[in-house]
PDB file of N, CA and C in Angstrom:
ATOM      1  N   UNK A   1      40.239  60.142 -28.035  1.00  0.00           N
ATOM      2  CA  UNK A   1      40.544  59.263 -28.571  1.00  0.00           C
ATOM      3  C   UNK A   1      41.074  58.356 -27.081  1.00  0.00           C
ATOM      4  N   UNK A   2      42.158  58.826 -26.764  1.00  0.00           N
ATOM      5  CA  UNK A   2      42.464  57.835 -25.631  1.00  0.00           C
ATOM      6  C   UNK A   2      41.395  57.482 -24.543  1.00  0.00           C
ATOM      7  N   UNK A   3      40.745  58.331 -24.085  1.00  0.00           N
ATOM      8  CA  UNK A   3      39.606  58.210 -22.909  1.00  0.00           C
ATOM      9  C   UNK A   3      38.575  56.990 -23.905  1.00  0.00           C
ATOM     10  N   UNK A   4      38.062  57.369 -24.968  1.00  0.00           N
ATOM     11  CA  UNK A   4      37.212  56.137 -25.420  1.00  0.00           C
ATOM     12  C   UNK A   4      38.020  55.003 -26.129  1.00  0.00           C
ATOM     13  N   UNK A   5      38.984  54.871 -26.087  1.00  0.00           N
ATOM     14  CA  UNK A   5      39.751  53.538 -26.150  1.00  0.00           C
ATOM     15  C   UNK A   5      39.909  52.938 -24.945  1.00  0.00           C
ATOM     16  N   UNK A   6      39.784  53.145 -23.923  1.00  0.00           N
ATOM     17  CA  UNK A   6      40.535  53.124 -22.398  1.00  0.00           C
ATOM     18  C   UNK A   6      38.885  52.845 -21.704  1.00  0.00           C
ATOM     19  N   UNK A   7      37.874  53.695 -22.272  1.00  0.00           N
ATOM     20  CA  UNK A   7      36.382  52.867 -22.059  1.00  0.00           C
ATOM     21  C   UNK A   7      35.861  51.806 -22.859  1.00  0.00           C
ATOM     22  N   UNK A   8      36.715  51.742 -24.088  1.00  0.00           N
ATOM     23  CA  UNK A   8      36.221  50.354 -24.727  1.00  0.00           C
ATOM     24  C   UNK A   8      37.038  49.421 -24.186  1.00  0.00           C
ATOM     25  N   UNK A   9      38.044  49.509 -23.699  1.00  0.00           N
ATOM     26  CA  UNK A   9      38.454  47.909 -23.427  1.00  0.00           C
ATOM     27  C   UNK A   9      38.391  48.125 -21.650  1.00  0.00           C
ATOM     28  N   UNK A  10      37.653  48.440 -21.077  1.00  0.00           N
ATOM     29  CA  UNK A  10      37.399  48.398 -20.010  1.00  0.00           C
ATOM     30  C   UNK A  10      35.470  47.899 -19.875  1.00  0.00           C
ATOM     31  N   UNK A  11      35.090  47.648 -20.757  1.00  0.00           N
ATOM     32  CA  UNK A  11      33.832  47.171 -21.468  1.00  0.00           C
ATOM     33  C   UNK A  11      34.421  45.806 -21.730  1.00  0.00           C
ATOM     34  N   UNK A  12      35.114  45.711 -22.581  1.00  0.00           N
ATOM     35  CA  UNK A  12      35.616  44.563 -22.968  1.00  0.00           C
ATOM     36  C   UNK A  12      36.357  43.478 -21.787  1.00  0.00           C
ATOM     37  N   UNK A  13      37.230  43.942 -20.855  1.00  0.00           N
ATOM     38  CA  UNK A  13      37.157  43.430 -19.785  1.00  0.00           C
ATOM     39  C   UNK A  13      35.929  43.183 -18.940  1.00  0.00           C
ATOM     40  N   UNK A  14      35.208  44.125 -18.589  1.00  0.00           N
ATOM     41  CA  UNK A  14      34.032  43.402 -17.640  1.00  0.00           C
ATOM     42  C   UNK A  14      32.784  42.640 -18.636  1.00  0.00           C
ATOM     43  N   UNK A  15      32.899  42.746 -20.157  1.00  0.00           N
ATOM     44  CA  UNK A  15      32.286  41.365 -21.002  1.00  0.00           C
ATOM     45  C   UNK A  15      33.013  40.393 -20.690  1.00  0.00           C
ATOM     46  N   UNK A  16      34.334  40.064 -20.630  1.00  0.00           N
ATOM     47  CA  UNK A  16      34.927  39.062 -20.427  1.00  0.00           C
ATOM     48  C   UNK A  16      34.593  38.234 -19.065  1.00  0.00           C
ATOM     49  N   UNK A  17      34.584  39.026 -18.140  1.00  0.00           N
ATOM     50  CA  UNK A  17      35.028  38.756 -16.988  1.00  0.00           C
ATOM     51  C   UNK A  17      32.969  38.063 -16.372  1.00  0.00           C
ATOM     52  N   UNK A  18      32.457  38.908 -17.077  1.00  0.00           N
ATOM     53  CA  UNK A  18      30.893  38.598 -17.015  1.00  0.00           C
ATOM     54  C   UNK A  18      30.485  37.344 -17.889  1.00  0.00           C
ATOM     55  N   UNK A  19      31.132  36.460 -18.668  1.00  0.00           N
ATOM     56  CA  UNK A  19      31.041  35.718 -19.803  1.00  0.00           C
ATOM     57  C   UNK A  19      31.826  34.777 -18.839  1.00  0.00           C
ATOM     58  N   UNK A  20      32.983  34.992 -18.017  1.00  0.00           N
ATOM     59  CA  UNK A  20      33.691  33.918 -17.666  1.00  0.00           C
ATOM     60  C   UNK A  20      32.663  33.581 -16.477  1.00  0.00           C
ATOM     61  N   UNK A  21      32.755  34.797 -15.470  1.00  0.00           N
ATOM     62  CA  UNK A  21      31.483  34.359 -14.475  1.00  0.00           C
ATOM     63  C   UNK A  21      29.694  33.228 -15.185  1.00  0.00           C
ATOM     64  N   UNK A  22      29.907  33.515 -16.076  1.00  0.00           N
ATOM     65  CA  UNK A  22      28.572  32.381 -16.627  1.00  0.00           C
ATOM     66  C   UNK A  22      29.037  31.252 -16.650  1.00  0.00           C
ATOM     67  N   UNK A  23      30.350  31.401 -17.358  1.00  0.00           N
ATOM     68  CA  UNK A  23      30.385  29.833 -17.862  1.00  0.00           C
ATOM     69  C   UNK A  23      31.083  28.809 -16.389  1.00  0.00           C
ATOM     70  N   UNK A  24      31.625  29.654 -15.222  1.00  0.00           N
ATOM     71  CA  UNK A  24      31.935  28.541 -14.247  1.00  0.00           C
ATOM     72  C   UNK A  24      30.595  28.877 -13.247  1.00  0.00           C
ATOM     73  N   UNK A  25      29.388  29.453 -13.302  1.00  0.00           N
ATOM     74  CA  UNK A  25      28.425  29.061 -13.014  1.00  0.00           C
ATOM     75  C   UNK A  25      27.521  27.833 -13.610  1.00  0.00           C
ATOM     76  N   UNK A  26      27.662  27.792 -15.051  1.00  0.00           N
ATOM     77  CA  UNK A  26      27.161  27.032 -16.006  1.00  0.00           C
ATOM     78  C   UNK A  26      27.953  25.283 -15.292  1.00  0.00           C
ATOM     79  N   UNK A  27      28.632  25.687 -15.341  1.00  0.00           N
ATOM     80  CA  UNK A  27      30.321  24.371 -15.134  1.00  0.00           C
ATOM     81  C   UNK A  27      29.776  24.227 -13.298  1.00  0.00           C
ATOM     82  N   UNK A  28      29.317  24.591 -12.639  1.00  0.00           N
ATOM     83  CA  UNK A  28      29.250  24.383 -11.291  1.00  0.00           C
ATOM     84  C   UNK A  28      27.656  23.978 -11.036  1.00  0.00           C
ATOM     85  N   UNK A  29      26.968  24.654 -11.654  1.00  0.00           N
ATOM     86  CA  UNK A  29      25.537  23.900 -11.460  1.00  0.00           C
ATOM     87  C   UNK A  29      24.725  22.631 -12.434  1.00  0.00           C
ATOM     88  N   UNK A  30      25.274  22.727 -13.637  1.00  0.00           N
ATOM     89  CA  UNK A  30      25.118  21.902 -14.306  1.00  0.00           C
ATOM     90  C   UNK A  30      26.190  20.894 -14.908  1.00  0.00           C
ATOM     91  N   UNK A  31      27.450  21.322 -15.205  1.00  0.00           N
ATOM     92  CA  UNK A  31      28.429  20.697 -15.720  1.00  0.00           C
ATOM     93  C   UNK A  31      28.686  19.387 -14.836  1.00  0.00           C
ATOM     94  N   UNK A  32      30.186  18.442 -15.390  1.00  0.00           N
ATOM     95  CA  UNK A  32      30.148  17.350 -15.013  1.00  0.00           C
ATOM     96  C   UNK A  32      31.040  17.577 -13.860  1.00  0.00           C
ATOM     97  N   UNK A  33      31.062  16.932 -12.479  1.00  0.00           N
ATOM     98  CA  UNK A  33      31.563  17.513 -11.171  1.00  0.00           C
ATOM     99  C   UNK A  33      30.469  18.555 -10.733  1.00  0.00           C
ATOM    100  N   UNK A  34      29.857  19.136 -11.233  1.00  0.00           N
ATOM    101  CA  UNK A  34      28.780  19.998 -10.801  1.00  0.00           C
ATOM    102  C   UNK A  34      28.038  19.852  -9.391  1.00  0.00           C
ATOM    103  N   UNK A  35      27.080  20.186  -9.136  1.00  0.00           N
ATOM    104  CA  UNK A  35      26.351  20.261  -7.975  1.00  0.00           C
ATOM    105  C   UNK A  35      25.202  18.910  -8.054  1.00  0.00           C
ATOM    106  N   UNK A  36      24.600  18.297  -9.733  1.00  0.00           N
ATOM    107  CA  UNK A  36      23.519  17.682  -9.471  1.00  0.00           C
ATOM    108  C   UNK A  36      24.537  16.272  -9.561  1.00  0.00           C
ATOM    109  N   UNK A  37      25.838  16.504  -9.960  1.00  0.00           N
ATOM    110  CA  UNK A  37      26.725  15.206 -10.017  1.00  0.00           C
ATOM    111  C   UNK A  37      27.059  14.176  -8.590  1.00  0.00           C
ATOM    112  N   UNK A  38      27.403  15.894  -7.662  1.00  0.00           N
ATOM    113  CA  UNK A  38      27.830  15.767  -6.188  1.00  0.00           C
ATOM    114  C   UNK A  38      26.419  15.039  -5.447  1.00  0.00           C
ATOM    115  N   UNK A  39      25.499  15.535  -5.511  1.00  0.00           N
ATOM    116  CA  UNK A  39      24.163  15.260  -5.019  1.00  0.00           C
ATOM    117  C   UNK A  39      23.820  13.629  -5.557  1.00  0.00           C
ATOM    118  N   UNK A  40      23.804  13.386  -7.087  1.00  0.00           N
ATOM    119  CA  UNK A  40      24.200  11.852  -7.138  1.00  0.00           C
ATOM    120  C   UNK A  40      25.250  10.746  -6.469  1.00  0.00           C
ATOM    121  N   UNK A  41      26.141  11.424  -6.335  1.00  0.00           N
ATOM    122  CA  UNK A  41      27.098  10.422  -6.008  1.00  0.00           C
ATOM    123  C   UNK A  41      26.630  10.722  -4.041  1.00  0.00           C
ATOM    124  N   UNK A  42      26.544  11.417  -3.821  1.00  0.00           N
ATOM    125  CA  UNK A  42      26.137  11.742  -2.054  1.00  0.00           C
ATOM    126  C   UNK A  42      24.932  10.230  -2.055  1.00  0.00           C
ATOM    127  N   UNK A  43      23.853  10.552  -2.618  1.00  0.00           N
ATOM    128  CA  UNK A  43      22.708   9.115  -2.559  1.00  0.00           C
ATOM    129  C   UNK A  43      23.313   7.927  -3.061  1.00  0.00           C
ATOM    130  N   UNK A  44      24.089   7.765  -3.652  1.00  0.00           N
ATOM    131  CA  UNK A  44      25.088   6.336  -3.891  1.00  0.00           C
ATOM    132  C   UNK A  44      25.624   5.852  -2.882  1.00  0.00           C
ATOM    133  N   UNK A  45      26.892   6.703  -2.475  1.00  0.00           N
ATOM    134  CA  UNK A  45      27.363   6.757  -0.885  1.00  0.00           C
ATOM    135  C   UNK A  45      26.537   6.354   0.029  1.00  0.00           C
ATOM    136  N   UNK A  46      25.264   7.204   0.363  1.00  0.00           N
ATOM    137  CA  UNK A  46      24.239   6.268   1.407  1.00  0.00           C
ATOM    138  C   UNK A  46      23.991   5.390   1.187  1.00  0.00           C
ATOM    139  N   UNK A  47      23.297   5.062  -0.447  1.00  0.00           N
ATOM    140  CA  UNK A  47      22.598   3.651  -0.411  1.00  0.00           C
ATOM    141  C   UNK A  47      23.593   2.571  -0.175  1.00  0.00           C
ATOM    142  N   UNK A  48      25.232   2.956  -0.358  1.00  0.00           N
ATOM    143  CA  UNK A  48      25.969   1.826  -0.490  1.00  0.00           C
ATOM    144  C   UNK A  48      26.371   1.861   1.027  1.00  0.00           C
ATOM    145  N   UNK A  49      26.192   2.632   1.873  1.00  0.00           N
ATOM    146  CA  UNK A  49      26.821   2.485   3.193  1.00  0.00           C
ATOM    147  C   UNK A  49      25.239   1.652   4.082  1.00  0.00           C
ATOM    148  N   UNK A  50      24.053   2.074   3.600  1.00  0.00           N
ATOM    149  CA  UNK A  50      22.984   1.140   4.128  1.00  0.00           C
ATOM    150  C   UNK A  50      23.259  -0.769   3.500  1.00  0.00           C
ATOM    151  N   UNK A  51      23.762  -0.493   2.410  1.00  0.00           N
ATOM    152  CA  UNK A  51      23.863  -1.628   1.876  1.00  0.00           C
ATOM    153  C   UNK A  51      24.836  -2.673   2.817  1.00  0.00           C
ATOM    154  N   UNK A  52      26.058  -1.817   3.464  1.00  0.00           N
ATOM    155  CA  UNK A  52      27.455  -1.945   3.797  1.00  0.00           C
ATOM    156  C   UNK A  52      26.580  -2.710   5.084  1.00  0.00           C
ATOM    157  N   UNK A  53      26.034  -2.117   5.905  1.00  0.00           N
ATOM    158  CA  UNK A  53      25.518  -2.220   7.200  1.00  0.00           C
ATOM    159  C   UNK A  53      24.640  -3.060   7.285  1.00  0.00           C
ATOM    160  N   UNK A  54      23.521  -3.706   6.349  1.00  0.00           N
ATOM    161  CA  UNK A  54      23.053  -4.565   6.163  1.00  0.00           C
ATOM    162  C   UNK A  54      24.193  -6.119   6.296  1.00  0.00           C
ATOM    163  N   UNK A  55      24.868  -5.694   5.068  1.00  0.00           N
ATOM    164  CA  UNK A  55      25.755  -6.957   5.111  1.00  0.00           C
ATOM    165  C   UNK A  55      26.931  -6.988   6.281  1.00  0.00           C
ATOM    166  N   UNK A  56      26.709  -6.146   6.513  1.00  0.00           N
ATOM    167  CA  UNK A  56      28.028  -6.630   8.197  1.00  0.00           C
ATOM    168  C   UNK A  56      27.148  -6.838   8.917  1.00  0.00           C
ATOM    169  N   UNK A  57      26.117  -6.579   9.229  1.00  0.00           N
ATOM    170  CA  UNK A  57      25.284  -7.347   9.820  1.00  0.00           C
ATOM    171  C   UNK A  57      24.821  -8.511   9.875  1.00  0.00           C
ATOM    172  N   UNK A  58      24.539  -9.565   8.589  1.00  0.00           N
ATOM    173  CA  UNK A  58      24.617 -10.618   8.232  1.00  0.00           C
ATOM    174  C   UNK A  58      26.044 -11.319   8.667  1.00  0.00           C
ATOM    175  N   UNK A  59      27.474 -10.439   8.154  1.00  0.00           N
ATOM    176  CA  UNK A  59      29.185 -10.995   8.189  1.00  0.00           C
ATOM    177  C   UNK A  59      28.306 -11.513   9.827  1.00  0.00           C
ATOM    178  N   UNK A  60      28.001 -10.733  11.038  1.00  0.00           N
ATOM    179  CA  UNK A  60      28.224 -11.062  12.466  1.00  0.00           C
ATOM    180  C   UNK A  60      27.554 -12.158  12.855  1.00  0.00           C
ATOM    181  N   UNK A  61      26.685 -11.810  12.392  1.00  0.00           N
ATOM    182  CA  UNK A  61      25.424 -13.081  12.572  1.00  0.00           C
ATOM    183  C   UNK A  61      26.236 -14.318  11.884  1.00  0.00           C
ATOM    184  N   UNK A  62      26.644 -14.740  10.642  1.00  0.00           N
ATOM    185  CA  UNK A  62      27.273 -15.943  10.314  1.00  0.00           C
ATOM    186  C   UNK A  62      28.499 -16.447  10.954  1.00  0.00           C
ATOM    187  N   UNK A  63      29.066 -15.240  11.559  1.00  0.00           N
ATOM    188  CA  UNK A  63      30.441 -15.400  12.361  1.00  0.00           C
ATOM    189  C   UNK A  63      30.107 -15.701  13.795  1.00  0.00           C
ATOM    190  N   UNK A  64      29.113 -15.402  14.222  1.00  0.00           N
ATOM    191  CA  UNK A  64      28.859 -15.839  15.919  1.00  0.00           C
ATOM    192  C   UNK A  64      28.293 -17.444  15.640  1.00  0.00           C
ATOM    193  N   UNK A  65      27.866 -17.569  14.258  1.00  0.00           N
ATOM    194  CA  UNK A  65      27.063 -19.174  14.407  1.00  0.00           C
ATOM    195  C   UNK A  65      28.112 -20.347  13.983  1.00  0.00           C
ATOM    196  N   UNK A  66      29.132 -19.667  13.168  1.00  0.00           N
ATOM    197  CA  UNK A  66      30.360 -20.433  12.764  1.00  0.00           C
ATOM    198  C   UNK A  66      30.821 -21.010  14.422  1.00  0.00           C
ATOM    199  N   UNK A  67      31.447 -19.458  15.026  1.00  0.00           N
ATOM    200  CA  UNK A  67      31.923 -19.918  16.406  1.00  0.00           C
ATOM    201  C   UNK A  67      31.237 -20.655  17.227  1.00  0.00           C
ATOM    202  N   UNK A  68      29.661 -20.496  17.256  1.00  0.00           N
ATOM    203  CA  UNK A  68      28.921 -21.518  17.899  1.00  0.00           C
ATOM    204  C   UNK A  68      29.162 -22.991  17.318  1.00  0.00           C
ATOM    205  N   UNK A  69      29.421 -22.771  15.841  1.00  0.00           N
ATOM    206  CA  UNK A  69      29.526 -24.339  15.305  1.00  0.00           C
ATOM    207  C   UNK A  69      30.630 -25.203  16.145  1.00  0.00           C
ATOM    208  N   UNK A  70      31.421 -24.386  15.959  1.00  0.00           N
ATOM    209  CA  UNK A  70      33.364 -24.632  15.876  1.00  0.00           C
ATOM    210  C   UNK A  70      33.065 -24.932  18.036  1.00  0.00           C
ATOM    211  N   UNK A  71      32.570 -24.397  18.814  1.00  0.00           N
ATOM    212  CA  UNK A  71      32.998 -24.519  20.067  1.00  0.00           C
ATOM    213  C   UNK A  71      31.545 -25.706  20.608  1.00  0.00           C
ATOM    214  N   UNK A  72      30.847 -25.647  20.315  1.00  0.00           N
ATOM    215  CA  UNK A  72      29.871 -26.539  21.246  1.00  0.00           C
ATOM    216  C   UNK A  72      29.109 -27.434  20.473  1.00  0.00           C
ATOM    217  N   UNK A  73      28.899 -29.205  20.986  1.00  0.00           N
ATOM    218  CA  UNK A  73      28.362 -29.696  20.323  1.00  0.00           C
ATOM    219  C   UNK A  73      26.486 -29.693  20.395  1.00  0.00           C
ATOM    220  N   UNK A  74      26.713 -29.066  21.436  1.00  0.00           N
ATOM    221  CA  UNK A  74      24.760 -28.699  21.521  1.00  0.00           C
ATOM    222  C   UNK A  74      24.297 -27.884  20.158  1.00  0.00           C
ATOM    223  N   UNK A  75      25.013 -27.106  19.565  1.00  0.00           N
ATOM    224  CA  UNK A  75      24.515 -26.216  18.271  1.00  0.00           C
ATOM    225  C   UNK A  75      24.760 -27.212  16.963  1.00  0.00           C
ATOM    226  N   UNK A  76      25.435 -28.203  17.124  1.00  0.00           N
ATOM    227  CA  UNK A  76      25.480 -29.486  15.986  1.00  0.00           C
ATOM    228  C   UNK A  76      24.549 -29.745  16.024  1.00  0.00           C
ATOM    229  N   UNK A  77      24.232 -30.558  17.426  1.00  0.00           N
ATOM    230  CA  UNK A  77      22.878 -31.422  17.661  1.00  0.00           C
ATOM    231  C   UNK A  77      21.407 -30.958  16.878  1.00  0.00           C
ATOM    232  N   UNK A  78      21.388 -29.242  17.745  1.00  0.00           N
ATOM    233  CA  UNK A  78      20.400 -29.118  17.229  1.00  0.00           C
ATOM    234  C   UNK A  78      20.376 -28.828  16.180  1.00  0.00           C
ATOM    235  N   UNK A  79      21.396 -28.460  15.563  1.00  0.00           N
ATOM    236  CA  UNK A  79      20.933 -28.317  13.871  1.00  0.00           C
ATOM    237  C   UNK A  79      20.695 -29.594  13.172  1.00  0.00           C
ATOM    238  N   UNK A  80      21.559 -30.729  13.294  1.00  0.00           N
ATOM    239  CA  UNK A  80      21.235 -31.976  12.976  1.00  0.00           C
ATOM    240  C   UNK A  80      19.962 -32.425  13.061  1.00  0.00           C
ATOM    241  N   UNK A  81      18.835 -31.702  14.237  1.00  0.00           N
ATOM    242  CA  UNK A  81      17.556 -32.471  14.926  1.00  0.00           C
ATOM    243  C   UNK A  81      16.718 -31.416  13.959  1.00  0.00           C
ATOM    244  N   UNK A  82      17.037 -30.300  13.829  1.00  0.00           N
ATOM    245  CA  UNK A  82      15.977 -29.762  13.265  1.00  0.00           C
ATOM    246  C   UNK A  82      16.334 -29.877  11.706  1.00  0.00           C
ATOM    247  N   UNK A  83      17.331 -29.673  11.247  1.00  0.00           N
ATOM    248  CA  UNK A  83      17.594 -29.694   9.743  1.00  0.00           C
ATOM    249  C   UNK A  83      17.644 -30.915   8.601  1.00  0.00           C
ATOM    250  N   UNK A  84      17.929 -31.653   9.701  1.00  0.00           N
ATOM    251  CA  UNK A  84      18.533 -33.556   9.000  1.00  0.00           C
ATOM    252  C   UNK A  84      16.828 -34.298   9.682  1.00  0.00           C
ATOM    253  N   UNK A  85      16.402 -33.917  11.467  1.00  0.00           N
ATOM    254  CA  UNK A  85      15.412 -34.771  11.553  1.00  0.00           C
ATOM    255  C   UNK A  85      16.235 -36.140  12.145  1.00  0.00           C
ATOM    256  N   UNK A  86      17.307 -35.992  12.638  1.00  0.00           N
ATOM    257  CA  UNK A  86      17.995 -37.055  13.366  1.00  0.00           C
ATOM    258  C   UNK A  86      17.570 -36.889  14.814  1.00  0.00           C
ATOM    259  N   UNK A  87      17.984 -38.359  15.596  1.00  0.00           N
ATOM    260  CA  UNK A  87      17.235 -38.655  16.456  1.00  0.00           C
ATOM    261  C   UNK A  87      18.524 -39.224  17.480  1.00  0.00           C
ATOM    262  N   UNK A  88      18.552 -39.248  18.879  1.00  0.00           N
ATOM    263  CA  UNK A  88      19.564 -40.175  19.421  1.00  0.00           C
ATOM    264  C   UNK A  88      18.947 -41.667  19.602  1.00  0.00           C
ATOM    265  N   UNK A  89      20.183 -42.747  19.491  1.00  0.00           N
ATOM    266  CA  UNK A  89      19.595 -43.703  19.575  1.00  0.00           C
ATOM    267  C   UNK A  89      18.993 -44.261  20.953  1.00  0.00           C
ATOM    268  N   UNK A  90      17.736 -44.763  20.738  1.00  0.00           N
ATOM    269  CA  UNK A  90      16.872 -44.913  22.058  1.00  0.00           C
ATOM    270  C   UNK A  90      16.095 -43.661  22.144  1.00  0.00           C
ATOM    271  N   UNK A  91      15.836 -42.790  21.556  1.00  0.00           N
ATOM    272  CA  UNK A  91      14.554 -41.858  21.616  1.00  0.00           C
ATOM    273  C   UNK A  91      13.882 -42.216  20.591  1.00  0.00           C
ATOM    274  N   UNK A  92      12.589 -41.898  20.599  1.00  0.00           N
ATOM    275  CA  UNK A  92      11.465 -42.407  20.155  1.00  0.00           C
ATOM    276  C   UNK A  92      10.801 -41.032  18.957  1.00  0.00           C
ATOM    277  N   UNK A  93      10.309 -40.679  18.094  1.00  0.00           N
ATOM    278  CA  UNK A  93      10.248 -39.793  17.372  1.00  0.00           C
ATOM    279  C   UNK A  93       8.558 -39.410  17.180  1.00  0.00           C
ATOM    280  N   UNK A  94       8.302 -38.511  17.598  1.00  0.00           N
ATOM    281  CA  UNK A  94       6.296 -38.689  17.740  1.00  0.00           C
ATOM    282  C   UNK A  94       6.189 -37.311  16.792  1.00  0.00           C
ATOM    283  N   UNK A  95       5.632 -37.296  15.977  1.00  0.00           N
ATOM    284  CA  UNK A  95       4.685 -36.041  15.458  1.00  0.00           C
ATOM    285  C   UNK A  95       3.564 -36.258  15.431  1.00  0.00           C
ATOM    286  N   UNK A  96       3.129 -35.111  16.078  1.00  0.00           N
ATOM    287  CA  UNK A  96       1.761 -34.340  16.155  1.00  0.00           C
ATOM    288  C   UNK A  96       1.280 -33.804  14.609  1.00  0.00           C
ATOM    289  N   UNK A  97       0.413 -34.238  14.500  1.00  0.00           N
ATOM    290  CA  UNK A  97      -0.622 -33.922  13.245  1.00  0.00           C
ATOM    291  C   UNK A  97      -2.122 -33.406  13.651  1.00  0.00           C
ATOM    292  N   UNK A  98      -1.569 -31.613  13.330  1.00  0.00           N
ATOM    293  CA  UNK A  98      -3.356 -31.208  13.849  1.00  0.00           C
ATOM    294  C   UNK A  98      -4.301 -31.379  12.985  1.00  0.00           C
ATOM    295  N   UNK A  99      -5.672 -31.959  12.823  1.00  0.00           N
ATOM    296  CA  UNK A  99      -6.550 -31.949  11.706  1.00  0.00           C
ATOM    297  C   UNK A  99      -7.342 -30.310  11.597  1.00  0.00           C
ATOM    298  N   UNK A 100      -7.408 -30.209  10.845  1.00  0.00           N
ATOM    299  CA  UNK A 100      -7.893 -28.512  10.434  1.00  0.00           C
ATOM    300  C   UNK A 100      -9.478 -28.629  10.478  1.00  0.00           C
ATOM    301  N   UNK A 101     -10.090 -27.914  11.253  1.00  0.00           N
ATOM    302  CA  UNK A 101     -11.077 -27.399  11.729  1.00  0.00           C
ATOM    303  C   UNK A 101     -12.018 -27.139  10.910  1.00  0.00           C
ATOM    304  N   UNK A 102     -13.348 -27.847  10.943  1.00  0.00           N
ATOM    305  CA  UNK A 102     -14.492 -27.555   9.788  1.00  0.00           C
ATOM    306  C   UNK A 102     -14.877 -25.834  10.027  1.00  0.00           C
ATOM    307  N   UNK A 103     -15.134 -25.119   8.769  1.00  0.00           N
ATOM    308  CA  UNK A 103     -15.588 -24.364   8.545  1.00  0.00           C
ATOM    309  C   UNK A 103     -16.842 -23.740   9.051  1.00  0.00           C
ATOM    310  N   UNK A 104     -16.821 -22.794  10.233  1.00  0.00           N
ATOM    311  CA  UNK A 104     -18.198 -22.512  10.582  1.00  0.00           C
ATOM    312  C   UNK A 104     -19.159 -21.879   9.756  1.00  0.00           C
ATOM    313  N   UNK A 105     -20.195 -22.294   9.892  1.00  0.00           N
ATOM    314  CA  UNK A 105     -21.771 -21.767   8.861  1.00  0.00           C
ATOM    315  C   UNK A 105     -21.514 -20.200   9.293  1.00  0.00           C
ATOM    316  N   UNK A 106     -22.280 -19.533   8.101  1.00  0.00           N
ATOM    317  CA  UNK A 106     -21.654 -18.448   7.876  1.00  0.00           C
ATOM    318  C   UNK A 106     -22.756 -17.618   9.286  1.00  0.00           C
ATOM    319  N   UNK A 107     -22.841 -16.417   9.581  1.00  0.00           N
ATOM    320  CA  UNK A 107     -23.958 -15.700  10.948  1.00  0.00           C
ATOM    321  C   UNK A 107     -25.297 -15.641   9.861  1.00  0.00           C
ATOM    322  N   UNK A 108     -26.432 -15.698  11.167  1.00  0.00           N
ATOM    323  CA  UNK A 108     -27.550 -15.084  10.234  1.00  0.00           C
ATOM    324  C   UNK A 108     -27.595 -14.262  10.453  1.00  0.00           C
ATOM    325  N   UNK A 109     -28.411 -13.261  10.053  1.00  0.00           N
ATOM    326  CA  UNK A 109     -28.433 -11.769  10.263  1.00  0.00           C
ATOM    327  C   UNK A 109     -29.808 -12.116  11.251  1.00  0.00           C
ATOM    328  N   UNK A 110     -29.960 -10.975  12.253  1.00  0.00           N
ATOM    329  CA  UNK A 110     -31.304 -10.883  13.258  1.00  0.00           C
ATOM    330  C   UNK A 110     -32.468 -10.429  12.613  1.00  0.00           C
ATOM    331  N   UNK A 111     -32.343 -10.131  11.245  1.00  0.00           N
ATOM    332  CA  UNK A 111     -33.672  -9.608  10.672  1.00  0.00           C
ATOM    333  C   UNK A 111     -34.320 -10.387   9.521  1.00  0.00           C
ATOM    334  N   UNK A 112     -33.132 -11.428   9.826  1.00  0.00           N
ATOM    335  CA  UNK A 112     -33.614 -12.595   8.386  1.00  0.00           C
ATOM    336  C   UNK A 112     -34.122 -13.939   9.272  1.00  0.00           C
ATOM    337  N   UNK A 113     -33.928 -13.713  10.490  1.00  0.00           N
ATOM    338  CA  UNK A 113     -34.711 -15.109  11.069  1.00  0.00           C
ATOM    339  C   UNK A 113     -36.033 -15.081  10.915  1.00  0.00           C
ATOM    340  N   UNK A 114     -36.355 -16.077  10.837  1.00  0.00           N
ATOM    341  CA  UNK A 114     -38.000 -16.923  10.276  1.00  0.00           C
ATOM    342  C   UNK A 114     -38.709 -16.083   9.426  1.00  0.00           C
ATOM    343  N   UNK A 115     -38.462 -14.855   8.522  1.00  0.00           N
ATOM    344  CA  UNK A 115     -38.970 -14.387   7.597  1.00  0.00           C
ATOM    345  C   UNK A 115     -39.157 -15.028   6.325  1.00  0.00           C
ATOM    346  N   UNK A 116     -40.018 -15.007   5.586  1.00  0.00           N
ATOM    347  CA  UNK A 116     -39.955 -15.739   4.048  1.00  0.00           C
ATOM    348  C   UNK A 116     -40.088 -14.446   3.155  1.00  0.00           C
ATOM    349  N   UNK A 117     -40.081 -13.233   3.595  1.00  0.00           N
ATOM    350  CA  UNK A 117     -40.995 -12.257   2.716  1.00  0.00           C
ATOM    351  C   UNK A 117     -42.181 -12.108   3.084  1.00  0.00           C
ATOM    352  N   UNK A 118     -42.900 -12.450   3.329  1.00  0.00           N
ATOM    353  CA  UNK A 118     -44.231 -12.451   3.223  1.00  0.00           C
ATOM    354  C   UNK A 118     -44.843 -11.378   4.709  1.00  0.00           C
ATOM    355  N   UNK A 119     -45.584 -10.367   4.414  1.00  0.00           N
ATOM    356  CA  UNK A 119     -45.830  -9.433   5.468  1.00  0.00           C
ATOM    357  C   UNK A 119     -46.980  -9.722   6.970  1.00  0.00           C
TER     358      UNK A 119
END
């Protein structure tokens, strides 16, 4: 009997280890903090990194514009002219307005010229 009892004990330990392995594999692939969660977090990090790069580029452009406005009169003048429509004293403002061209008549097909449908 002791040999049978030892065999049953080994089978019990093996079954427990197999159940533990199945549980750990489930947690690894499907559970919280598992493979799916890690993949989702990696995608979110990649998205956030792209967004941060765009915002960093925008911030650099704004910082350069602020520095330009602080340091030079030319930038202030250019902005006043383009955005506010200001001119210097003594200057004359001219606006050039182009008239739209009339629409061209549709082209006539070569086989339609001079035919009235008669043979």
